[in-house]
Amino acid sequence: MTEHPLALAVNGRERLLADRLIAFEPRRPERADSVVVVGLGYVGLPTACALQSPTARVTGFDISEDRLRAIKTGEVDLPEPERRALSASLAAGGLELSCDPSVLADADAVIVCVPTPVDAAHKPDLAALRAACETVVAFARRGQVIILTSTTFAGTTRQLLVEPLAQRGLRVGADVHVAFSPERIDPGNFDHVQRETPRVVGGATAECAERAAEVVRRMTDSVYLVSSPEAAELTKLYENIFRAVNLALANEMADACAALGLDPIEVTIAAGTKPYGFLGSFPGPGVGGHCIPCDPHYLLWQLGQQGLSAPVIEQAMRSIDQRPGQVVQRVVELLAEAGLDHEGARVLVAGVSYKAGVRDLRESPALPILAGLRRIGIDVHYFDPLLPEITLPDGTRMTSEPAPHGRDWDVAVLHTVHPGVDYGWARECPQVLDATYQFDAVPHRRVL
């Protein structure tokens, strides 16, 4: 075990970090055993791929046969190199797929990776996680390591795994080992690969943590141990709450820059030259993906159950929710400046996924933007080669414009700019609203 570069001073507690960060060097040989990954979505599939090795048998379990078919045919949102590797693994048998829960009984380790969304009222929706954990508990056997990775509020691992296992007569820490290790997958970002990203592990007992770390270390070179599953659960929420607050602040600073006639990107980059104490984010049309728009509400809900509040987080989430509406209002303003009535105006939204380079539409700000523009009578369309067809929250189905012509639109809204896609047509649009703040290929573009 060696000193890790993350052993930094944090309020004088640098040794706490160093002592709990397990850096395996050199890597120890892995035992020949089996791992089942429960749920093969945006987290589960990369997790299953990362766990593969010559000495381990990895099975991906999902209740959706459609999802399994999509994985087998390569119709999944993975970068091309990872898609080729997935295809090769399936062909060689390094990764097996199943919708039969009995595979759980044969596993030495089970990793749960199912969605944990919020409902329309921003309350945690644990239906999928609850069902998955019930299945895992039903098939659990002595000697297993069970790891929950799905983002959730503090206490869920104990509630959905530790206590039900005890009711089955399985002693956690002796018969079975249970831990929480939040996922840290950044879709489409090659700078943050799993192997180089430390993972946090909190076990129900010290032995649970050590056993879980042995499994998690197959995906990363660094594992950081915390005292409990609850500490690990709150760690994940804190990570995403930090991002939510920072993004809300970035958008607010962009609005301030607009009022002062300044470029928010220039100001943010300049502030980022300070080598300490500043972690900036760029503004945009809103916040998407499964994590940041949803996860903070898990803590807000849990605190609310105790009659407590978190005003900073609450305000950040309100600001995030309101951002797409600001985009709609800005489109109306641009149309008015051009002497056009917004009713019947033709508007094209470019890029609808929540993030550049991925086909992920979850919580994308483009959805409420499109819906909001439609609601006020604008003739709105979209262009996104990665998502040829989408469905709005009200059930309206839309298809991507195959080859936009700039002069066909009164306003083009640049929402997500994908790498390798030609946006030259935007130069011919009379009005371009750059909601990314970074598309300088159009000299006459406007920002929020």
Protein backbone atom coordinates (compact mmCIF):
# COMPACT_ATOMS: atom_id res chain seq x y z
CA MET A 1 0.00 0.00 0.00
CA THR A 2 1.43 3.38 -0.99
CA GLU A 3 0.69 7.01 -0.25
CA HIS A 4 -1.97 8.22 -2.69
CA PRO A 5 -1.97 11.71 -4.26
CA LEU A 6 -5.44 12.26 -2.81
CA ALA A 7 -3.93 12.37 0.67
CA LEU A 8 -4.48 16.13 0.76
CA ALA A 9 -5.04 18.39 3.73
CA VAL A 10 -8.75 18.89 4.40
CA ASN A 11 -9.14 20.96 7.55
CA GLY A 12 -6.07 19.28 8.98
CA ARG A 13 -7.45 15.78 8.42
CA GLU A 14 -5.09 14.66 5.67
CA ARG A 15 -4.21 11.44 7.47
CA LEU A 16 -7.88 10.42 7.63
CA LEU A 17 -7.98 10.43 3.84
CA ALA A 18 -4.65 8.67 3.42
CA ASP A 19 -5.44 5.98 5.98
CA ARG A 20 -8.74 5.03 4.39
CA LEU A 21 -7.68 5.12 0.75
CA ILE A 22 -6.70 1.64 -0.34
CA ALA A 23 -4.30 1.87 -3.28
CA PHE A 24 -3.54 -1.63 -4.52
CA GLU A 25 -0.03 -1.68 -5.95
CA PRO A 26 0.88 -3.99 -7.47
CA ARG A 27 -2.52 -5.43 -8.29
CA ARG A 28 -3.20 -8.69 -6.53
CA PRO A 29 -4.37 -11.73 -8.51
CA GLU A 30 -8.13 -12.07 -8.64
CA ARG A 31 -9.95 -15.12 -7.47
CA ALA A 32 -11.86 -17.18 -10.00
CA ASP A 33 -15.41 -16.33 -9.00
CA SER A 34 -18.66 -14.95 -10.42
CA VAL A 35 -20.31 -11.55 -10.32
CA VAL A 36 -23.88 -10.70 -11.28
CA VAL A 37 -24.74 -7.09 -12.14
CA VAL A 38 -28.43 -6.34 -11.54
CA GLY A 39 -29.72 -3.76 -14.01
CA LEU A 40 -27.99 -3.07 -17.33
CA GLY A 41 -28.74 0.59 -17.91
CA TYR A 42 -26.40 3.56 -18.16
CA VAL A 43 -24.55 2.44 -15.01
CA GLY A 44 -25.01 -1.32 -14.98
CA LEU A 45 -23.75 -2.05 -18.47
CA PRO A 46 -20.44 -0.14 -18.10
CA THR A 47 -20.08 -1.74 -14.67
CA ALA A 48 -20.48 -5.23 -16.11
CA CYS A 49 -17.99 -4.45 -18.86
CA ALA A 50 -15.44 -3.09 -16.37
CA LEU A 51 -15.67 -6.21 -14.18
CA GLN A 52 -14.60 -8.61 -16.90
CA SER A 53 -11.35 -10.50 -16.42
CA PRO A 54 -9.90 -13.88 -17.43
CA THR A 55 -10.56 -15.26 -13.95
CA ALA A 56 -14.07 -14.00 -13.26
CA ARG A 57 -17.43 -14.92 -14.72
CA VAL A 58 -19.64 -11.87 -15.17
CA THR A 59 -23.39 -12.02 -15.79
CA GLY A 60 -25.63 -9.08 -16.52
CA PHE A 61 -29.16 -9.55 -15.20
CA ASP A 62 -32.06 -7.37 -16.35
CA ILE A 63 -35.80 -7.94 -16.23
CA SER A 64 -36.23 -6.26 -19.64
CA GLU A 65 -35.82 -8.67 -22.53
CA ASP A 66 -35.88 -5.67 -24.89
CA ARG A 67 -32.84 -4.24 -23.11
CA LEU A 68 -30.99 -7.54 -23.38
CA ARG A 69 -31.77 -7.71 -27.10
CA ALA A 70 -30.50 -4.15 -27.56
CA ILE A 71 -27.24 -5.05 -25.81
CA LYS A 72 -26.78 -8.16 -27.91
CA THR A 73 -27.29 -6.18 -31.13
CA GLY A 74 -25.08 -3.31 -30.02
CA GLU A 75 -27.93 -0.77 -29.92
CA VAL A 76 -26.65 0.86 -26.73
CA ASP A 77 -25.28 4.29 -25.89
CA LEU A 78 -21.60 3.45 -25.60
CA PRO A 79 -18.59 5.00 -27.34
CA GLU A 80 -17.62 3.03 -30.43
CA PRO A 81 -14.48 1.44 -28.86
CA GLU A 82 -16.51 0.25 -25.86
CA ARG A 83 -19.25 -1.00 -28.16
CA ARG A 84 -16.75 -3.10 -30.09
CA ALA A 85 -15.31 -4.43 -26.83
CA LEU A 86 -18.82 -5.30 -25.63
CA SER A 87 -19.54 -7.19 -28.84
CA ALA A 88 -16.29 -9.12 -28.52
CA SER A 89 -16.99 -9.99 -24.88
CA LEU A 90 -20.46 -11.28 -25.69
CA ALA A 91 -19.10 -13.36 -28.56
CA ALA A 92 -16.32 -14.81 -26.43
CA GLY A 93 -18.55 -15.49 -23.44
CA GLY A 94 -16.73 -13.06 -21.13
CA LEU A 95 -20.07 -11.40 -20.43
CA GLU A 96 -23.29 -13.38 -20.22
CA LEU A 97 -26.79 -11.92 -20.21
CA SER A 98 -29.86 -13.25 -18.43
CA CYS A 99 -33.36 -12.30 -17.36
CA ASP A 100 -33.59 -15.32 -15.05
CA PRO A 101 -33.19 -14.23 -11.39
CA SER A 102 -31.94 -17.68 -10.41
CA VAL A 103 -28.49 -16.65 -11.68
CA LEU A 104 -28.23 -14.62 -8.47
CA ALA A 105 -28.03 -17.75 -6.36
CA ASP A 106 -24.82 -18.86 -8.08
CA ALA A 107 -23.05 -15.51 -7.76
CA ASP A 108 -20.22 -14.86 -5.35
CA ALA A 109 -20.86 -11.12 -5.66
CA VAL A 110 -24.00 -9.18 -6.62
CA ILE A 111 -23.90 -5.52 -7.65
CA VAL A 112 -27.21 -3.64 -7.83
CA CYS A 113 -27.33 -0.87 -10.47
CA VAL A 114 -30.95 0.13 -11.03
CA PRO A 115 -32.49 3.60 -11.57
CA THR A 116 -33.60 5.72 -8.62
CA PRO A 117 -35.60 8.59 -10.16
CA VAL A 118 -37.94 11.10 -8.58
CA ASP A 119 -41.63 11.42 -9.35
CA ALA A 120 -43.46 14.49 -10.65
CA ALA A 121 -43.51 15.92 -7.12
CA HIS A 122 -39.73 15.41 -6.75
CA LYS A 123 -40.21 12.59 -4.25
CA PRO A 124 -37.87 9.56 -4.37
CA ASP A 125 -39.20 6.71 -6.48
CA LEU A 126 -37.63 3.53 -5.13
CA ALA A 127 -39.97 1.13 -6.93
CA ALA A 128 -37.25 -0.34 -9.17
CA LEU A 129 -34.66 -0.44 -6.40
CA ARG A 130 -37.06 -1.98 -3.91
CA ALA A 131 -38.03 -4.71 -6.40
CA ALA A 132 -34.40 -5.40 -7.28
CA CYS A 133 -33.35 -5.68 -3.64
CA GLU A 134 -36.27 -7.97 -2.84
CA THR A 135 -35.12 -10.28 -5.63
CA VAL A 136 -31.50 -10.16 -4.48
CA VAL A 137 -32.50 -10.96 -0.89
CA ALA A 138 -34.73 -13.82 -2.02
CA PHE A 139 -31.83 -15.51 -3.85
CA ALA A 140 -29.06 -14.54 -1.41
CA ARG A 141 -26.87 -17.30 -0.02
CA ARG A 142 -24.12 -17.58 2.54
CA GLY A 143 -20.76 -16.29 1.40
CA GLN A 144 -22.09 -13.65 -0.97
CA VAL A 145 -20.97 -10.04 -1.19
CA ILE A 146 -23.87 -7.71 -2.05
CA ILE A 147 -23.10 -4.16 -3.14
CA LEU A 148 -25.66 -1.44 -3.81
CA THR A 149 -24.54 1.35 -6.18
CA SER A 150 -27.82 3.12 -7.00
CA THR A 151 -27.94 6.69 -5.70
CA THR A 152 -30.33 6.99 -2.78
CA PHE A 153 -30.87 8.58 0.62
CA ALA A 154 -28.96 7.57 3.74
CA GLY A 155 -30.28 4.38 5.30
CA THR A 156 -31.56 2.67 2.16
CA THR A 157 -28.91 -0.08 2.10
CA ARG A 158 -29.74 -0.98 5.68
CA GLN A 159 -33.49 -0.81 5.05
CA LEU A 160 -33.61 -2.75 1.77
CA LEU A 161 -30.73 -5.22 2.23
CA VAL A 162 -29.32 -5.53 5.75
CA GLU A 163 -32.62 -5.84 7.60
CA PRO A 164 -34.39 -8.16 5.09
CA LEU A 165 -31.33 -10.43 4.98
CA ALA A 166 -31.37 -10.64 8.78
CA GLN A 167 -35.06 -11.56 8.63
CA ARG A 168 -34.08 -14.44 6.36
CA GLY A 169 -31.62 -15.62 9.02
CA LEU A 170 -28.49 -14.42 7.21
CA ARG A 171 -26.12 -12.58 9.55
CA VAL A 172 -24.67 -9.56 7.78
CA GLY A 173 -20.94 -9.42 8.40
CA ALA A 174 -20.73 -13.16 8.98
CA ASP A 175 -22.96 -15.09 6.56
CA VAL A 176 -23.21 -12.37 3.90
CA HIS A 177 -21.41 -9.07 3.39
CA VAL A 178 -23.29 -5.90 2.41
CA ALA A 179 -21.98 -2.50 1.36
CA PHE A 180 -22.86 0.64 -0.52
CA SER A 181 -20.47 1.91 -3.20
CA PRO A 182 -21.89 4.79 -5.26
CA GLU A 183 -21.27 4.71 -8.99
CA ARG A 184 -18.98 7.30 -10.51
CA ILE A 185 -19.56 6.96 -14.23
CA ASP A 186 -19.35 10.02 -16.48
CA PRO A 187 -21.01 9.03 -19.79
CA GLY A 188 -19.12 10.07 -22.89
CA ASN A 189 -16.18 11.54 -20.98
CA PHE A 190 -12.93 9.74 -21.80
CA ASP A 191 -11.06 11.84 -19.23
CA HIS A 192 -12.86 10.06 -16.39
CA VAL A 193 -12.50 6.36 -17.02
CA GLN A 194 -13.55 3.96 -14.30
CA ARG A 195 -10.09 2.51 -13.74
CA GLU A 196 -8.69 5.92 -12.82
CA THR A 197 -11.66 7.11 -10.74
CA PRO A 198 -11.54 6.30 -7.00
CA ARG A 199 -14.58 4.58 -5.54
CA VAL A 200 -16.07 4.98 -2.07
CA VAL A 201 -17.16 1.91 -0.11
CA GLY A 202 -19.16 1.84 3.11
CA GLY A 203 -19.83 -1.56 4.62
CA ALA A 204 -22.38 -2.65 7.20
CA THR A 205 -19.36 -3.93 9.15
CA ALA A 206 -15.61 -3.50 8.74
CA GLU A 207 -15.40 -6.98 7.25
CA CYS A 208 -18.22 -6.09 4.82
CA ALA A 209 -16.26 -3.05 3.68
CA GLU A 210 -13.10 -5.07 3.09
CA ARG A 211 -14.93 -7.78 1.16
CA ALA A 212 -16.78 -5.24 -0.96
CA ALA A 213 -13.54 -3.37 -1.64
CA GLU A 214 -12.07 -6.57 -3.09
CA VAL A 215 -14.89 -6.60 -5.64
CA VAL A 216 -14.94 -2.89 -6.40
CA ARG A 217 -11.16 -2.77 -6.91
CA ARG A 218 -11.65 -4.76 -10.12
CA MET A 219 -13.05 -1.56 -11.63
CA THR A 220 -10.69 0.99 -10.07
CA ASP A 221 -7.17 1.27 -8.74
CA SER A 222 -8.29 3.21 -5.63
CA VAL A 223 -10.96 2.42 -3.06
CA TYR A 224 -11.74 4.78 -0.20
CA LEU A 225 -13.41 3.27 2.86
CA VAL A 226 -15.96 5.13 4.96
CA SER A 227 -17.48 4.06 8.26
CA SER A 228 -20.92 2.92 7.11
CA PRO A 229 -23.30 2.51 4.18
CA GLU A 230 -25.04 5.70 5.31
CA ALA A 231 -21.81 7.70 5.02
CA ALA A 232 -21.28 6.35 1.49
CA GLU A 233 -24.89 7.08 0.53
CA LEU A 234 -24.64 10.67 1.68
CA THR A 235 -21.26 11.01 -0.04
CA LYS A 236 -22.92 10.41 -3.39
CA LEU A 237 -25.69 12.88 -2.67
CA TYR A 238 -23.14 15.50 -1.61
CA GLU A 239 -21.19 15.02 -4.85
CA ASN A 240 -24.22 15.72 -7.00
CA ILE A 241 -25.64 18.42 -4.74
CA PHE A 242 -22.34 20.26 -5.07
CA ARG A 243 -22.64 20.08 -8.84
CA ALA A 244 -26.27 21.24 -8.74
CA VAL A 245 -25.49 24.26 -6.58
CA ASN A 246 -22.44 25.09 -8.71
CA LEU A 247 -24.42 24.88 -11.96
CA ALA A 248 -27.22 27.00 -10.56
CA LEU A 249 -24.59 29.57 -9.55
CA ALA A 250 -22.99 29.41 -13.02
CA ASN A 251 -26.33 30.21 -14.64
CA GLU A 252 -26.92 33.06 -12.22
CA MET A 253 -23.47 34.47 -12.95
CA ALA A 254 -24.22 34.24 -16.67
CA ASP A 255 -27.33 36.33 -16.12
CA ALA A 256 -25.26 38.85 -14.17
CA CYS A 257 -22.69 38.95 -16.99
CA ALA A 258 -25.47 39.60 -19.51
CA ALA A 259 -26.68 42.57 -17.43
CA LEU A 260 -23.13 43.93 -17.31
CA GLY A 261 -22.30 43.25 -20.95
CA LEU A 262 -19.64 40.66 -20.16
CA ASP A 263 -18.84 37.15 -21.46
CA PRO A 264 -19.54 34.56 -18.73
CA ILE A 265 -17.20 32.01 -20.33
CA GLU A 266 -14.31 34.47 -20.30
CA VAL A 267 -15.02 35.37 -16.66
CA THR A 268 -15.32 31.71 -15.60
CA ILE A 269 -12.07 30.71 -17.29
CA ALA A 270 -10.28 33.68 -15.78
CA ALA A 271 -11.54 32.81 -12.30
CA GLY A 272 -10.39 29.24 -12.87
CA THR A 273 -6.77 30.36 -13.19
CA LYS A 274 -6.72 30.58 -9.38
CA PRO A 275 -5.02 27.32 -8.35
CA TYR A 276 -7.06 26.88 -5.15
CA GLY A 277 -10.49 27.56 -3.75
CA PHE A 278 -12.41 27.80 -7.06
CA LEU A 279 -14.23 25.08 -8.97
CA GLY A 280 -16.15 26.68 -11.79
CA SER A 281 -18.87 25.42 -14.11
CA PHE A 282 -20.09 26.77 -17.41
CA PRO A 283 -23.69 28.00 -17.78
CA GLY A 284 -26.20 26.42 -20.12
CA PRO A 285 -29.88 25.88 -20.98
CA GLY A 286 -30.53 23.77 -17.90
CA VAL A 287 -29.33 20.63 -16.18
CA GLY A 288 -30.00 17.12 -17.45
CA GLY A 289 -29.08 13.52 -16.86
CA HIS A 290 -30.29 11.16 -14.17
CA CYS A 291 -28.11 12.52 -11.35
CA ILE A 292 -28.03 16.27 -10.82
CA PRO A 293 -31.70 17.15 -11.49
CA CYS A 294 -32.87 14.24 -9.30
CA ASP A 295 -30.42 13.27 -6.58
CA PRO A 296 -30.54 16.44 -4.44
CA HIS A 297 -34.25 15.85 -3.96
CA TYR A 298 -33.44 12.60 -2.12
CA LEU A 299 -31.75 14.57 0.64
CA LEU A 300 -34.37 17.32 0.60
CA TRP A 301 -37.11 14.71 0.97
CA GLN A 302 -35.31 12.91 3.80
CA LEU A 303 -34.69 16.16 5.68
CA GLY A 304 -38.29 17.19 5.11
CA GLN A 305 -39.44 13.97 6.78
CA GLN A 306 -37.67 15.26 9.89
CA GLY A 307 -39.07 18.75 9.60
CA LEU A 308 -35.73 20.16 8.45
CA SER A 309 -34.81 22.29 5.44
CA ALA A 310 -31.73 23.05 3.35
CA PRO A 311 -32.35 26.52 1.90
CA VAL A 312 -29.26 26.68 -0.32
CA ILE A 313 -30.05 23.34 -1.96
CA GLU A 314 -33.73 24.19 -2.27
CA GLN A 315 -32.99 27.47 -4.02
CA ALA A 316 -30.49 25.80 -6.35
CA MET A 317 -33.05 23.20 -7.40
CA ARG A 318 -35.72 25.87 -7.98
CA SER A 319 -33.25 27.76 -10.15
CA ILE A 320 -32.45 24.60 -12.13
CA ASP A 321 -36.15 23.88 -12.66
CA GLN A 322 -36.75 27.41 -13.95
CA ARG A 323 -33.89 27.52 -16.43
CA PRO A 324 -35.68 25.93 -19.44
CA GLY A 325 -38.48 28.48 -19.00
CA GLN A 326 -35.90 31.24 -19.29
CA VAL A 327 -34.83 29.81 -22.64
CA VAL A 328 -38.43 29.88 -23.86
CA GLN A 329 -38.82 33.48 -22.72
CA ARG A 330 -35.58 34.47 -24.44
CA VAL A 331 -36.83 33.00 -27.73
CA VAL A 332 -39.99 35.11 -27.43
CA GLU A 333 -37.84 38.20 -26.81
CA LEU A 334 -35.67 37.56 -29.87
CA LEU A 335 -38.73 37.09 -32.04
CA ALA A 336 -40.20 40.36 -30.72
CA GLU A 337 -36.92 42.19 -31.40
CA ALA A 338 -37.17 40.98 -35.00
CA GLY A 339 -40.74 42.26 -35.23
CA LEU A 340 -42.25 38.76 -35.30
CA ASP A 341 -45.22 37.41 -33.37
CA HIS A 342 -44.21 34.23 -31.57
CA GLU A 343 -47.43 32.45 -32.56
CA GLY A 344 -46.68 30.54 -35.73
CA ALA A 345 -42.98 31.45 -35.70
CA ARG A 346 -40.65 28.68 -36.83
CA VAL A 347 -38.03 27.67 -34.27
CA LEU A 348 -35.46 24.88 -34.48
CA VAL A 349 -33.83 23.42 -31.37
CA ALA A 350 -30.41 21.96 -32.21
CA GLY A 351 -29.35 19.04 -30.04
CA VAL A 352 -31.79 17.55 -27.53
CA SER A 353 -29.71 15.09 -25.50
CA TYR A 354 -28.68 16.43 -22.11
CA LYS A 355 -24.98 16.13 -22.91
CA ALA A 356 -22.79 16.45 -25.99
CA GLY A 357 -21.81 13.18 -27.62
CA VAL A 358 -24.36 10.93 -25.89
CA ARG A 359 -27.83 9.70 -26.82
CA ASP A 360 -29.17 10.20 -23.31
CA LEU A 361 -32.44 12.13 -23.14
CA ARG A 362 -33.09 11.64 -19.42
CA GLU A 363 -34.15 14.89 -17.74
CA SER A 364 -32.85 16.85 -20.74
CA PRO A 365 -33.77 20.56 -20.57
CA ALA A 366 -34.63 20.28 -24.26
CA LEU A 367 -37.85 18.46 -23.39
CA PRO A 368 -39.44 21.26 -21.32
CA ILE A 369 -38.02 23.81 -23.79
CA LEU A 370 -39.70 22.09 -26.74
CA ALA A 371 -42.91 21.63 -24.75
CA GLY A 372 -42.87 25.25 -23.60
CA LEU A 373 -42.38 26.59 -27.12
CA ARG A 374 -45.21 24.40 -28.42
CA ARG A 375 -47.47 25.53 -25.59
CA ILE A 376 -47.32 29.19 -26.65
CA GLY A 377 -48.04 28.45 -30.29
CA ILE A 378 -44.55 28.33 -31.79
CA ASP A 379 -44.00 25.94 -34.69
CA VAL A 380 -41.04 24.15 -33.12
CA HIS A 381 -38.88 21.37 -34.53
CA TYR A 382 -35.56 19.84 -33.55
CA PHE A 383 -32.34 18.56 -35.08
CA ASP A 384 -30.29 15.80 -33.44
CA PRO A 385 -28.69 12.99 -35.47
CA LEU A 386 -28.11 11.01 -32.26
CA LEU A 387 -31.81 10.98 -31.39
CA PRO A 388 -33.91 10.63 -34.55
CA GLU A 389 -37.16 10.37 -32.57
CA ILE A 390 -38.25 11.65 -29.16
CA THR A 391 -41.40 11.85 -27.06
CA LEU A 392 -42.28 14.95 -25.05
CA PRO A 393 -43.68 14.68 -21.51
CA ASP A 394 -47.24 15.17 -22.82
CA GLY A 395 -46.84 12.22 -25.21
CA THR A 396 -46.19 14.26 -28.36
CA ARG A 397 -43.83 12.42 -30.70
CA MET A 398 -41.30 14.37 -32.72
CA THR A 399 -38.75 13.39 -35.35
CA SER A 400 -35.46 15.09 -36.06
CA GLU A 401 -35.08 17.33 -39.09
CA PRO A 402 -32.83 15.35 -41.45
CA ALA A 403 -30.93 18.28 -43.01
CA PRO A 404 -31.83 21.75 -41.72
CA HIS A 405 -31.58 24.85 -43.90
CA GLY A 406 -30.80 27.96 -41.91
CA ARG A 407 -33.16 30.31 -43.70
CA ASP A 408 -36.15 28.04 -42.97
CA TRP A 409 -36.16 29.11 -39.32
CA ASP A 410 -36.89 32.36 -37.54
CA VAL A 411 -34.75 31.31 -34.56
CA ALA A 412 -32.33 28.46 -34.01
CA VAL A 413 -31.75 27.47 -30.38
CA LEU A 414 -28.38 25.76 -29.86
CA HIS A 415 -29.08 23.44 -26.93
CA THR A 416 -26.47 20.66 -27.32
CA VAL A 417 -23.63 20.75 -29.84
CA HIS A 418 -22.45 17.23 -30.64
CA PRO A 419 -18.88 16.59 -31.80
CA GLY A 420 -18.57 15.63 -35.46
CA VAL A 421 -21.94 17.13 -36.45
CA ASP A 422 -22.13 19.91 -39.05
CA TYR A 423 -23.85 23.03 -37.74
CA GLY A 424 -22.81 25.24 -40.63
CA TRP A 425 -26.46 25.83 -41.51
CA ALA A 426 -26.83 27.90 -38.34
CA ARG A 427 -24.85 30.75 -39.91
CA GLU A 428 -27.75 31.38 -42.29
CA CYS A 429 -30.35 31.63 -39.51
CA PRO A 430 -31.44 35.23 -38.94
CA GLN A 431 -31.57 34.68 -35.16
CA VAL A 432 -29.39 32.21 -33.23
CA LEU A 433 -29.81 31.73 -29.50
CA ASP A 434 -26.67 30.06 -28.18
CA ALA A 435 -27.80 28.40 -24.96
CA THR A 436 -24.41 26.66 -24.71
CA TYR A 437 -22.59 30.02 -24.49
CA GLN A 438 -19.69 28.47 -26.40
CA PHE A 439 -20.74 28.25 -30.07
CA ASP A 440 -18.71 31.05 -31.63
CA ALA A 441 -19.05 29.80 -35.22
CA VAL A 442 -22.01 32.15 -35.70
CA PRO A 443 -20.90 35.79 -35.34
CA HIS A 444 -24.43 37.11 -34.85
CA ARG A 445 -25.42 34.62 -32.17
CA ARG A 446 -27.12 35.78 -28.97
CA VAL A 447 -27.01 34.20 -25.52
CA LEU A 448 -29.51 33.93 -22.70
